Amino acid sequence: MEKKKVAIQGIKGSYHHQAARMFFGEEVDLVQCENFKEIPQHITNGTAQYGVMAIENSIAGSLLQNYKLLGQKGQCIQGEIYIPIEHSLLVNKGQTIEDLKEVHSHPMAILQSEQFFEQYPHIKLVEETDTASSAKKVADKNLKDVGAIAGEIAGEIYGLEAIKTNIQTIKNNYTRFFIIGTHKHNYTANPEINKASMRIVLSHEKGSLAKVLSIFSIHGMNLTKIQSMPIMEKPWQYNFFVDLEFPTYDTFKSVMEIMKHQAEKVEVLGVYKEWKMEHINRDAMRSEEIKK
């Protein structure tokens, strides 16, 4: 079977790599991107079939800059996946935490692990552009007094040892990723498809948002997220990015017809299968199988 070409932000061993591996359930042909803007560009150019893009974190909140990248011509959200963010302290084999003078990682990973390092004041925390690239540098240069904060997958790929695991302060930490691409689902034939993401622009008048929310409620739709972003060329008007679960696809289509008369603009960014939180335990087991 031909491997799927998947664009991710970062390199092998990153959390984006982990999300791609968990979603597609197979080894993928990674297209590694320096920044998020490159992901939809690769899909447009045909150098990638899919893209994996972080959209929100349970602690840090939404990645607002990535909402601007959704809905590019011919592209839509194909699915979503939530993965637990579990940071490990990675070192070259034979090193101990007492040997370390510095630990490198992405600023967010450092922030999320600061409490752990308070008990090791001799270690300097150094910010880098990415968790996985920090691990790769430690391995490539065979650094003896420098460690990295990254996921265990990075340690496996670059041959590092995890001397401490789950060092993040808040253990219940998840990141949600969107899977984007150009493939069109057969929505009617697949009853498992029960979630949609859309962008809504409302008229700047009293009660316009309340009317829309009441329409969702009346038709049995569960609003799981709403994110507002200002429209730069229209002061004091906003894009509302909405995620909702619907009982049937026919219900969703009917509501979209109603919405055409209630909003200035409605753009469906994707219709896909909800990723239930109970999938996480199953995926953790599958991750262990992949490691073997």
C-alpha atoms as a PDB file:
ATOM      1  CA  MET A   1       0.000   0.000   0.000  1.00  0.00           C
ATOM      2  CA  GLU A   2       1.303   3.442  -0.952  1.00  0.00           C
ATOM      3  CA  LYS A   3       2.051   5.626   2.050  1.00  0.00           C
ATOM      4  CA  LYS A   4      -0.047   8.743   2.486  1.00  0.00           C
ATOM      5  CA  LYS A   5       1.878  11.985   2.077  1.00  0.00           C
ATOM      6  CA  VAL A   6       1.072  14.106   5.114  1.00  0.00           C
ATOM      7  CA  ALA A   7       2.328  17.646   5.780  1.00  0.00           C
ATOM      8  CA  ILE A   8       3.079  18.515   9.402  1.00  0.00           C
ATOM      9  CA  GLN A   9       4.560  21.459  11.246  1.00  0.00           C
ATOM     10  CA  GLY A  10       7.905  20.365  12.659  1.00  0.00           C
ATOM     11  CA  ILE A  11       9.960  17.232  12.089  1.00  0.00           C
ATOM     12  CA  LYS A  12       9.841  13.521  12.823  1.00  0.00           C
ATOM     13  CA  GLY A  13       9.240  12.925  16.497  1.00  0.00           C
ATOM     14  CA  SER A  14       7.040  15.990  16.978  1.00  0.00           C
ATOM     15  CA  TYR A  15       3.546  15.866  18.418  1.00  0.00           C
ATOM     16  CA  HIS A  16       2.250  16.579  14.902  1.00  0.00           C
ATOM     17  CA  HIS A  17       4.052  13.428  13.752  1.00  0.00           C
ATOM     18  CA  GLN A  18       2.428  11.511  16.597  1.00  0.00           C
ATOM     19  CA  ALA A  19      -1.018  12.844  15.626  1.00  0.00           C
ATOM     20  CA  ALA A  20      -0.483  11.875  11.975  1.00  0.00           C
ATOM     21  CA  ARG A  21       0.593   8.376  12.962  1.00  0.00           C
ATOM     22  CA  MET A  22      -2.340   7.914  15.313  1.00  0.00           C
ATOM     23  CA  PHE A  23      -4.956   9.213  12.882  1.00  0.00           C
ATOM     24  CA  PHE A  24      -3.896   7.280   9.796  1.00  0.00           C
ATOM     25  CA  GLY A  25      -2.951   4.141  11.684  1.00  0.00           C
ATOM     26  CA  GLU A  26       0.125   3.470   9.560  1.00  0.00           C
ATOM     27  CA  GLU A  27       3.547   4.811   8.812  1.00  0.00           C
ATOM     28  CA  VAL A  28       3.170   7.949   6.721  1.00  0.00           C
ATOM     29  CA  ASP A  29       5.380   9.765   4.238  1.00  0.00           C
ATOM     30  CA  LEU A  30       5.965  12.999   6.141  1.00  0.00           C
ATOM     31  CA  VAL A  31       6.326  16.401   4.495  1.00  0.00           C
ATOM     32  CA  GLN A  32       8.076  18.433   7.178  1.00  0.00           C
ATOM     33  CA  CYS A  33       7.189  22.143   7.337  1.00  0.00           C
ATOM     34  CA  GLU A  34       8.953  24.967   9.156  1.00  0.00           C
ATOM     35  CA  ASN A  35       5.684  26.778   9.813  1.00  0.00           C
ATOM     36  CA  PHE A  36       1.937  26.210   9.668  1.00  0.00           C
ATOM     37  CA  LYS A  37       1.448  28.285   6.497  1.00  0.00           C
ATOM     38  CA  GLU A  38       3.344  25.686   4.486  1.00  0.00           C
ATOM     39  CA  ILE A  39       0.855  22.916   5.305  1.00  0.00           C
ATOM     40  CA  PRO A  40      -2.060  24.059   3.071  1.00  0.00           C
ATOM     41  CA  GLN A  41       0.478  25.191   0.453  1.00  0.00           C
ATOM     42  CA  HIS A  42       1.767  21.637   0.087  1.00  0.00           C
ATOM     43  CA  ILE A  43      -1.793  20.361  -0.327  1.00  0.00           C
ATOM     44  CA  THR A  44      -2.488  22.980  -3.017  1.00  0.00           C
ATOM     45  CA  ASN A  45       0.760  22.113  -4.815  1.00  0.00           C
ATOM     46  CA  GLY A  46       0.034  18.388  -4.669  1.00  0.00           C
ATOM     47  CA  THR A  47       3.194  17.604  -2.697  1.00  0.00           C
ATOM     48  CA  ALA A  48       1.029  16.366   0.185  1.00  0.00           C
ATOM     49  CA  GLN A  49      -2.353  14.646   0.251  1.00  0.00           C
ATOM     50  CA  TYR A  50      -3.230  15.685   3.779  1.00  0.00           C
ATOM     51  CA  GLY A  51      -2.132  18.086   6.463  1.00  0.00           C
ATOM     52  CA  VAL A  52      -2.140  17.797  10.249  1.00  0.00           C
ATOM     53  CA  MET A  53      -2.566  21.114  12.047  1.00  0.00           C
ATOM     54  CA  ALA A  54      -2.885  21.852  15.766  1.00  0.00           C
ATOM     55  CA  ILE A  55      -5.928  24.021  16.425  1.00  0.00           C
ATOM     56  CA  GLU A  56      -6.255  24.195  20.214  1.00  0.00           C
ATOM     57  CA  ASN A  57      -4.764  23.022  23.483  1.00  0.00           C
ATOM     58  CA  SER A  58      -6.708  22.269  26.644  1.00  0.00           C
ATOM     59  CA  ILE A  59      -4.402  24.546  28.659  1.00  0.00           C
ATOM     60  CA  ALA A  60      -3.096  27.205  26.254  1.00  0.00           C
ATOM     61  CA  GLY A  61      -6.343  27.609  24.296  1.00  0.00           C
ATOM     62  CA  SER A  62      -6.856  28.211  20.566  1.00  0.00           C
ATOM     63  CA  LEU A  63      -4.093  28.703  18.012  1.00  0.00           C
ATOM     64  CA  LEU A  64      -5.742  31.718  16.454  1.00  0.00           C
ATOM     65  CA  GLN A  65      -3.263  32.042  13.589  1.00  0.00           C
ATOM     66  CA  ASN A  66      -4.231  28.578  12.341  1.00  0.00           C
ATOM     67  CA  TYR A  67      -7.911  29.457  11.993  1.00  0.00           C
ATOM     68  CA  LYS A  68      -6.847  31.862   9.244  1.00  0.00           C
ATOM     69  CA  LEU A  69      -5.402  28.917   7.288  1.00  0.00           C
ATOM     70  CA  LEU A  70      -8.652  26.944   7.160  1.00  0.00           C
ATOM     71  CA  GLY A  71     -10.934  26.811   4.139  1.00  0.00           C
ATOM     72  CA  GLN A  72      -8.379  27.525   1.447  1.00  0.00           C
ATOM     73  CA  LYS A  73      -9.596  26.813  -2.079  1.00  0.00           C
ATOM     74  CA  GLY A  74     -10.520  23.169  -2.572  1.00  0.00           C
ATOM     75  CA  GLN A  75      -9.515  22.195   0.960  1.00  0.00           C
ATOM     76  CA  CYS A  76     -11.655  21.139   3.890  1.00  0.00           C
ATOM     77  CA  ILE A  77     -11.368  19.580   7.328  1.00  0.00           C
ATOM     78  CA  GLN A  78     -11.313  15.795   6.937  1.00  0.00           C
ATOM     79  CA  GLY A  79     -11.305  14.899  10.610  1.00  0.00           C
ATOM     80  CA  GLU A  80      -9.946  15.661  14.053  1.00  0.00           C
ATOM     81  CA  ILE A  81      -7.845  13.931  16.673  1.00  0.00           C
ATOM     82  CA  TYR A  82      -7.034  14.679  20.298  1.00  0.00           C
ATOM     83  CA  ILE A  83      -3.748  13.431  21.712  1.00  0.00           C
ATOM     84  CA  PRO A  84      -2.399  13.687  25.269  1.00  0.00           C
ATOM     85  CA  ILE A  85       0.666  15.901  25.601  1.00  0.00           C
ATOM     86  CA  GLU A  86       3.099  13.964  27.750  1.00  0.00           C
ATOM     87  CA  HIS A  87       6.549  15.521  28.046  1.00  0.00           C
ATOM     88  CA  SER A  88       9.649  13.456  28.760  1.00  0.00           C
ATOM     89  CA  LEU A  89      13.160  14.517  29.715  1.00  0.00           C
ATOM     90  CA  LEU A  90      15.357  12.990  27.016  1.00  0.00           C
ATOM     91  CA  VAL A  91      19.135  12.544  27.196  1.00  0.00           C
ATOM     92  CA  ASN A  92      21.869  10.548  25.528  1.00  0.00           C
ATOM     93  CA  LYS A  93      22.198   7.130  27.067  1.00  0.00           C
ATOM     94  CA  GLY A  94      24.179   6.931  30.273  1.00  0.00           C
ATOM     95  CA  GLN A  95      23.430  10.490  31.368  1.00  0.00           C
ATOM     96  CA  THR A  96      21.687  11.352  34.628  1.00  0.00           C
ATOM     97  CA  ILE A  97      19.728  14.425  35.603  1.00  0.00           C
ATOM     98  CA  GLU A  98      22.654  15.505  37.799  1.00  0.00           C
ATOM     99  CA  ASP A  99      24.881  15.585  34.667  1.00  0.00           C
ATOM    100  CA  LEU A 100      22.700  18.160  32.930  1.00  0.00           C
ATOM    101  CA  LYS A 101      23.556  21.840  32.722  1.00  0.00           C
ATOM    102  CA  GLU A 102      20.889  22.780  30.164  1.00  0.00           C
ATOM    103  CA  VAL A 103      17.571  21.462  28.890  1.00  0.00           C
ATOM    104  CA  HIS A 104      16.245  22.698  25.537  1.00  0.00           C
ATOM    105  CA  SER A 105      12.717  22.721  24.121  1.00  0.00           C
ATOM    106  CA  HIS A 106       9.845  24.732  22.690  1.00  0.00           C
ATOM    107  CA  PRO A 107       8.789  27.631  24.979  1.00  0.00           C
ATOM    108  CA  MET A 108       5.362  26.053  25.632  1.00  0.00           C
ATOM    109  CA  ALA A 109       6.905  22.726  26.656  1.00  0.00           C
ATOM    110  CA  ILE A 110       9.259  24.560  28.998  1.00  0.00           C
ATOM    111  CA  LEU A 111       6.386  26.547  30.492  1.00  0.00           C
ATOM    112  CA  GLN A 112       4.367  23.384  31.009  1.00  0.00           C
ATOM    113  CA  SER A 113       7.302  21.668  32.773  1.00  0.00           C
ATOM    114  CA  GLU A 114       8.722  24.517  34.868  1.00  0.00           C
ATOM    115  CA  GLN A 115       7.421  23.157  38.139  1.00  0.00           C
ATOM    116  CA  PHE A 116       9.332  19.906  37.630  1.00  0.00           C
ATOM    117  CA  PHE A 117      12.615  21.770  37.105  1.00  0.00           C
ATOM    118  CA  GLU A 118      12.220  23.875  40.241  1.00  0.00           C
ATOM    119  CA  GLN A 119      13.790  20.978  42.132  1.00  0.00           C
ATOM    120  CA  TYR A 120      16.838  21.115  39.842  1.00  0.00           C
ATOM    121  CA  PRO A 121      18.033  24.740  40.024  1.00  0.00           C
ATOM    122  CA  HIS A 122      21.376  23.833  38.437  1.00  0.00           C
ATOM    123  CA  ILE A 123      19.630  23.234  35.081  1.00  0.00           C
ATOM    124  CA  LYS A 124      19.183  26.170  32.700  1.00  0.00           C
ATOM    125  CA  LEU A 125      16.067  26.005  30.486  1.00  0.00           C
ATOM    126  CA  VAL A 126      16.764  27.130  26.907  1.00  0.00           C
ATOM    127  CA  GLU A 127      14.025  27.925  24.383  1.00  0.00           C
ATOM    128  CA  GLU A 128      14.130  26.350  20.915  1.00  0.00           C
ATOM    129  CA  THR A 129      11.748  26.343  17.939  1.00  0.00           C
ATOM    130  CA  ASP A 130      10.443  22.806  18.389  1.00  0.00           C
ATOM    131  CA  THR A 131      10.414  19.896  20.837  1.00  0.00           C
ATOM    132  CA  ALA A 132      11.533  17.263  18.337  1.00  0.00           C
ATOM    133  CA  SER A 133      14.299  19.401  16.814  1.00  0.00           C
ATOM    134  CA  SER A 134      15.651  19.969  20.324  1.00  0.00           C
ATOM    135  CA  ALA A 135      15.840  16.209  20.817  1.00  0.00           C
ATOM    136  CA  LYS A 136      17.449  15.726  17.405  1.00  0.00           C
ATOM    137  CA  LYS A 137      20.144  18.296  18.204  1.00  0.00           C
ATOM    138  CA  VAL A 138      21.004  16.571  21.480  1.00  0.00           C
ATOM    139  CA  ALA A 139      21.329  13.261  19.633  1.00  0.00           C
ATOM    140  CA  ASP A 140      23.129  14.534  16.525  1.00  0.00           C
ATOM    141  CA  LYS A 141      25.750  16.408  18.545  1.00  0.00           C
ATOM    142  CA  ASN A 142      25.952  13.649  21.180  1.00  0.00           C
ATOM    143  CA  LEU A 143      25.647  16.288  23.891  1.00  0.00           C
ATOM    144  CA  LYS A 144      26.542  15.000  27.342  1.00  0.00           C
ATOM    145  CA  ASP A 145      25.333  17.822  29.559  1.00  0.00           C
ATOM    146  CA  VAL A 146      22.250  18.904  27.602  1.00  0.00           C
ATOM    147  CA  GLY A 147      18.802  17.314  27.570  1.00  0.00           C
ATOM    148  CA  ALA A 148      15.562  17.989  25.742  1.00  0.00           C
ATOM    149  CA  ILE A 149      11.881  18.118  26.629  1.00  0.00           C
ATOM    150  CA  ALA A 150       9.869  16.226  24.032  1.00  0.00           C
ATOM    151  CA  GLY A 151       7.494  13.323  23.564  1.00  0.00           C
ATOM    152  CA  GLU A 152       8.740   9.780  23.962  1.00  0.00           C
ATOM    153  CA  ILE A 153       8.308   9.268  20.215  1.00  0.00           C
ATOM    154  CA  ALA A 154      11.214  11.698  19.673  1.00  0.00           C
ATOM    155  CA  GLY A 155      13.404   9.644  21.995  1.00  0.00           C
ATOM    156  CA  GLU A 156      12.597   6.482  20.043  1.00  0.00           C
ATOM    157  CA  ILE A 157      13.382   8.070  16.690  1.00  0.00           C
ATOM    158  CA  TYR A 158      16.628   9.778  17.725  1.00  0.00           C
ATOM    159  CA  GLY A 159      17.915   7.136  20.102  1.00  0.00           C
ATOM    160  CA  LEU A 160      17.598   9.099  23.331  1.00  0.00           C
ATOM    161  CA  GLU A 161      16.703   7.813  26.763  1.00  0.00           C
ATOM    162  CA  ALA A 162      13.727   9.125  28.737  1.00  0.00           C
ATOM    163  CA  ILE A 163      15.100   9.528  32.267  1.00  0.00           C
ATOM    164  CA  LYS A 164      11.886  11.204  33.459  1.00  0.00           C
ATOM    165  CA  THR A 165       8.420  10.895  31.921  1.00  0.00           C
ATOM    166  CA  ASN A 166       5.199  12.903  32.323  1.00  0.00           C
ATOM    167  CA  ILE A 167       7.075  15.912  33.672  1.00  0.00           C
ATOM    168  CA  GLN A 168       4.346  18.386  32.646  1.00  0.00           C
ATOM    169  CA  THR A 169       2.726  20.125  35.617  1.00  0.00           C
ATOM    170  CA  ILE A 170      -0.861  19.489  34.483  1.00  0.00           C
ATOM    171  CA  LYS A 171      -1.263  15.843  33.566  1.00  0.00           C
ATOM    172  CA  ASN A 172      -4.661  16.237  31.877  1.00  0.00           C
ATOM    173  CA  ASN A 173      -3.249  18.115  28.886  1.00  0.00           C
ATOM    174  CA  TYR A 174      -4.515  17.514  25.354  1.00  0.00           C
ATOM    175  CA  THR A 175      -4.042  19.089  21.952  1.00  0.00           C
ATOM    176  CA  ARG A 176      -6.675  18.919  19.251  1.00  0.00           C
ATOM    177  CA  PHE A 177      -5.529  18.624  15.644  1.00  0.00           C
ATOM    178  CA  PHE A 178      -7.436  19.088  12.409  1.00  0.00           C
ATOM    179  CA  ILE A 179      -6.789  16.789   9.450  1.00  0.00           C
ATOM    180  CA  ILE A 180      -7.130  18.815   6.253  1.00  0.00           C
ATOM    181  CA  GLY A 181      -7.213  17.711   2.628  1.00  0.00           C
ATOM    182  CA  THR A 182      -9.239  17.753  -0.574  1.00  0.00           C
ATOM    183  CA  HIS A 183     -11.025  14.379  -0.336  1.00  0.00           C
ATOM    184  CA  LYS A 184     -14.820  14.638  -0.264  1.00  0.00           C
ATOM    185  CA  HIS A 185     -16.705  12.274   2.025  1.00  0.00           C
ATOM    186  CA  ASN A 186     -19.923  10.546   1.035  1.00  0.00           C
ATOM    187  CA  TYR A 187     -21.758  12.209   3.895  1.00  0.00           C
ATOM    188  CA  THR A 188     -25.129  10.561   3.363  1.00  0.00           C
ATOM    189  CA  ALA A 189     -23.687   7.037   3.142  1.00  0.00           C
ATOM    190  CA  ASN A 190     -21.594   7.342   6.311  1.00  0.00           C
ATOM    191  CA  PRO A 191     -23.782   7.672   9.432  1.00  0.00           C
ATOM    192  CA  GLU A 192     -20.675   8.062  11.617  1.00  0.00           C
ATOM    193  CA  ILE A 193     -20.094  11.551  10.226  1.00  0.00           C
ATOM    194  CA  ASN A 194     -21.704  13.740  12.872  1.00  0.00           C
ATOM    195  CA  LYS A 195     -19.663  16.918  13.305  1.00  0.00           C
ATOM    196  CA  ALA A 196     -19.069  20.109  11.345  1.00  0.00           C
ATOM    197  CA  SER A 197     -16.829  23.150  11.516  1.00  0.00           C
ATOM    198  CA  MET A 198     -17.888  26.412   9.909  1.00  0.00           C
ATOM    199  CA  ARG A 199     -17.191  30.110   9.699  1.00  0.00           C
ATOM    200  CA  ILE A 200     -20.126  32.459  10.221  1.00  0.00           C
ATOM    201  CA  VAL A 201     -20.303  36.206   9.642  1.00  0.00           C
ATOM    202  CA  LEU A 202     -23.298  37.884  11.290  1.00  0.00           C
ATOM    203  CA  SER A 203     -24.895  41.248  10.782  1.00  0.00           C
ATOM    204  CA  HIS A 204     -23.835  43.850  13.314  1.00  0.00           C
ATOM    205  CA  GLU A 205     -27.185  44.075  15.070  1.00  0.00           C
ATOM    206  CA  LYS A 206     -28.679  43.177  18.429  1.00  0.00           C
ATOM    207  CA  GLY A 207     -29.416  39.502  19.013  1.00  0.00           C
ATOM    208  CA  SER A 208     -27.911  38.159  15.755  1.00  0.00           C
ATOM    209  CA  LEU A 209     -25.696  35.622  17.530  1.00  0.00           C
ATOM    210  CA  ALA A 210     -28.468  34.573  19.909  1.00  0.00           C
ATOM    211  CA  LYS A 211     -30.765  33.806  16.943  1.00  0.00           C
ATOM    212  CA  VAL A 212     -28.172  31.543  15.355  1.00  0.00           C
ATOM    213  CA  LEU A 213     -27.486  29.688  18.591  1.00  0.00           C
ATOM    214  CA  SER A 214     -31.198  29.123  19.127  1.00  0.00           C
ATOM    215  CA  ILE A 215     -31.481  27.562  15.657  1.00  0.00           C
ATOM    216  CA  PHE A 216     -28.760  25.056  16.548  1.00  0.00           C
ATOM    217  CA  SER A 217     -30.472  24.239  19.837  1.00  0.00           C
ATOM    218  CA  ILE A 218     -33.940  23.789  18.340  1.00  0.00           C
ATOM    219  CA  HIS A 219     -32.596  21.248  15.841  1.00  0.00           C
ATOM    220  CA  GLY A 220     -30.796  19.162  18.441  1.00  0.00           C
ATOM    221  CA  MET A 221     -27.277  20.301  17.626  1.00  0.00           C
ATOM    222  CA  ASN A 222     -24.580  20.386  20.287  1.00  0.00           C
ATOM    223  CA  LEU A 223     -22.316  23.429  20.058  1.00  0.00           C
ATOM    224  CA  THR A 224     -18.857  22.201  21.146  1.00  0.00           C
ATOM    225  CA  LYS A 225     -16.823  25.328  20.410  1.00  0.00           C
ATOM    226  CA  ILE A 226     -17.218  28.925  19.317  1.00  0.00           C
ATOM    227  CA  GLN A 227     -14.250  31.157  18.574  1.00  0.00           C
ATOM    228  CA  SER A 228     -14.503  34.789  17.490  1.00  0.00           C
ATOM    229  CA  MET A 229     -11.907  36.634  15.426  1.00  0.00           C
ATOM    230  CA  PRO A 230     -12.126  40.231  14.186  1.00  0.00           C
ATOM    231  CA  ILE A 231     -12.572  40.892  10.472  1.00  0.00           C
ATOM    232  CA  MET A 232      -9.661  43.217   9.725  1.00  0.00           C
ATOM    233  CA  GLU A 233     -11.381  45.163   6.953  1.00  0.00           C
ATOM    234  CA  LYS A 234     -14.647  45.523   8.927  1.00  0.00           C
ATOM    235  CA  PRO A 235     -14.067  47.139  12.332  1.00  0.00           C
ATOM    236  CA  TRP A 236     -16.181  45.655  15.141  1.00  0.00           C
ATOM    237  CA  GLN A 237     -17.394  42.763  13.026  1.00  0.00           C
ATOM    238  CA  TYR A 238     -16.272  39.214  13.688  1.00  0.00           C
ATOM    239  CA  ASN A 239     -15.837  35.818  12.147  1.00  0.00           C
ATOM    240  CA  PHE A 240     -17.361  33.167  14.377  1.00  0.00           C
ATOM    241  CA  PHE A 241     -15.701  29.780  13.997  1.00  0.00           C
ATOM    242  CA  VAL A 242     -18.169  27.165  15.208  1.00  0.00           C
ATOM    243  CA  ASP A 243     -17.881  23.426  15.855  1.00  0.00           C
ATOM    244  CA  LEU A 244     -21.083  21.478  16.382  1.00  0.00           C
ATOM    245  CA  GLU A 245     -22.365  17.925  16.515  1.00  0.00           C
ATOM    246  CA  PHE A 246     -25.549  17.053  14.623  1.00  0.00           C
ATOM    247  CA  PRO A 247     -27.977  14.103  14.909  1.00  0.00           C
ATOM    248  CA  THR A 248     -28.126  13.365  11.145  1.00  0.00           C
ATOM    249  CA  TYR A 249     -26.534  14.813   8.033  1.00  0.00           C
ATOM    250  CA  ASP A 250     -29.998  15.657   6.643  1.00  0.00           C
ATOM    251  CA  THR A 251     -30.633  17.748   9.762  1.00  0.00           C
ATOM    252  CA  PHE A 252     -27.342  19.549   9.211  1.00  0.00           C
ATOM    253  CA  LYS A 253     -28.232  20.310   5.583  1.00  0.00           C
ATOM    254  CA  SER A 254     -31.627  21.691   6.608  1.00  0.00           C
ATOM    255  CA  VAL A 255     -30.064  23.959   9.218  1.00  0.00           C
ATOM    256  CA  MET A 256     -27.549  25.252   6.659  1.00  0.00           C
ATOM    257  CA  GLU A 257     -30.457  26.308   4.433  1.00  0.00           C
ATOM    258  CA  ILE A 258     -31.976  28.233   7.337  1.00  0.00           C
ATOM    259  CA  MET A 259     -28.614  29.790   8.153  1.00  0.00           C
ATOM    260  CA  LYS A 260     -28.360  31.316   4.680  1.00  0.00           C
ATOM    261  CA  HIS A 261     -31.173  33.675   5.713  1.00  0.00           C
ATOM    262  CA  GLN A 262     -29.849  34.406   9.207  1.00  0.00           C
ATOM    263  CA  ALA A 263     -26.195  35.218   8.529  1.00  0.00           C
ATOM    264  CA  GLU A 264     -24.300  37.425   6.133  1.00  0.00           C
ATOM    265  CA  LYS A 265     -22.026  34.509   5.264  1.00  0.00           C
ATOM    266  CA  VAL A 266     -21.810  30.826   6.185  1.00  0.00           C
ATOM    267  CA  GLU A 267     -18.808  28.796   5.075  1.00  0.00           C
ATOM    268  CA  VAL A 268     -18.674  25.086   5.921  1.00  0.00           C
ATOM    269  CA  LEU A 269     -15.011  24.280   6.613  1.00  0.00           C
ATOM    270  CA  GLY A 270     -15.528  20.557   6.979  1.00  0.00           C
ATOM    271  CA  VAL A 271     -17.940  17.779   7.902  1.00  0.00           C
ATOM    272  CA  TYR A 272     -16.393  14.779   9.606  1.00  0.00           C
ATOM    273  CA  LYS A 273     -16.567  12.160  12.340  1.00  0.00           C
ATOM    274  CA  GLU A 274     -16.283  13.378  15.916  1.00  0.00           C
ATOM    275  CA  TRP A 275     -13.184  12.100  17.733  1.00  0.00           C
ATOM    276  CA  LYS A 276     -14.522  10.948  21.076  1.00  0.00           C
ATOM    277  CA  MET A 277     -12.333  11.434  24.127  1.00  0.00           C
ATOM    278  CA  GLU A 278     -12.648   7.759  25.028  1.00  0.00           C
ATOM    279  CA  HIS A 279     -10.647   7.007  21.882  1.00  0.00           C
ATOM    280  CA  ILE A 280      -7.552   8.266  23.679  1.00  0.00           C
ATOM    281  CA  ASN A 281      -7.030   5.110  25.734  1.00  0.00           C
ATOM    282  CA  ARG A 282      -7.449   3.007  22.622  1.00  0.00           C
ATOM    283  CA  ASP A 283      -4.951   5.168  20.759  1.00  0.00           C
ATOM    284  CA  ALA A 284      -2.438   4.912  23.581  1.00  0.00           C
ATOM    285  CA  MET A 285      -2.601   1.140  23.204  1.00  0.00           C
ATOM    286  CA  ARG A 286      -2.184   1.437  19.434  1.00  0.00           C
ATOM    287  CA  SER A 287       0.822   3.737  19.967  1.00  0.00           C
ATOM    288  CA  GLU A 288       2.450   1.044  22.093  1.00  0.00           C
ATOM    289  CA  GLU A 289       1.866  -1.458  19.288  1.00  0.00           C
ATOM    290  CA  ILE A 290       3.460   0.903  16.751  1.00  0.00           C
ATOM    291  CA  LYS A 291       6.518   1.316  19.004  1.00  0.00           C
ATOM    292  CA  LYS A 292       7.036  -2.451  18.992  1.00  0.00           C
END
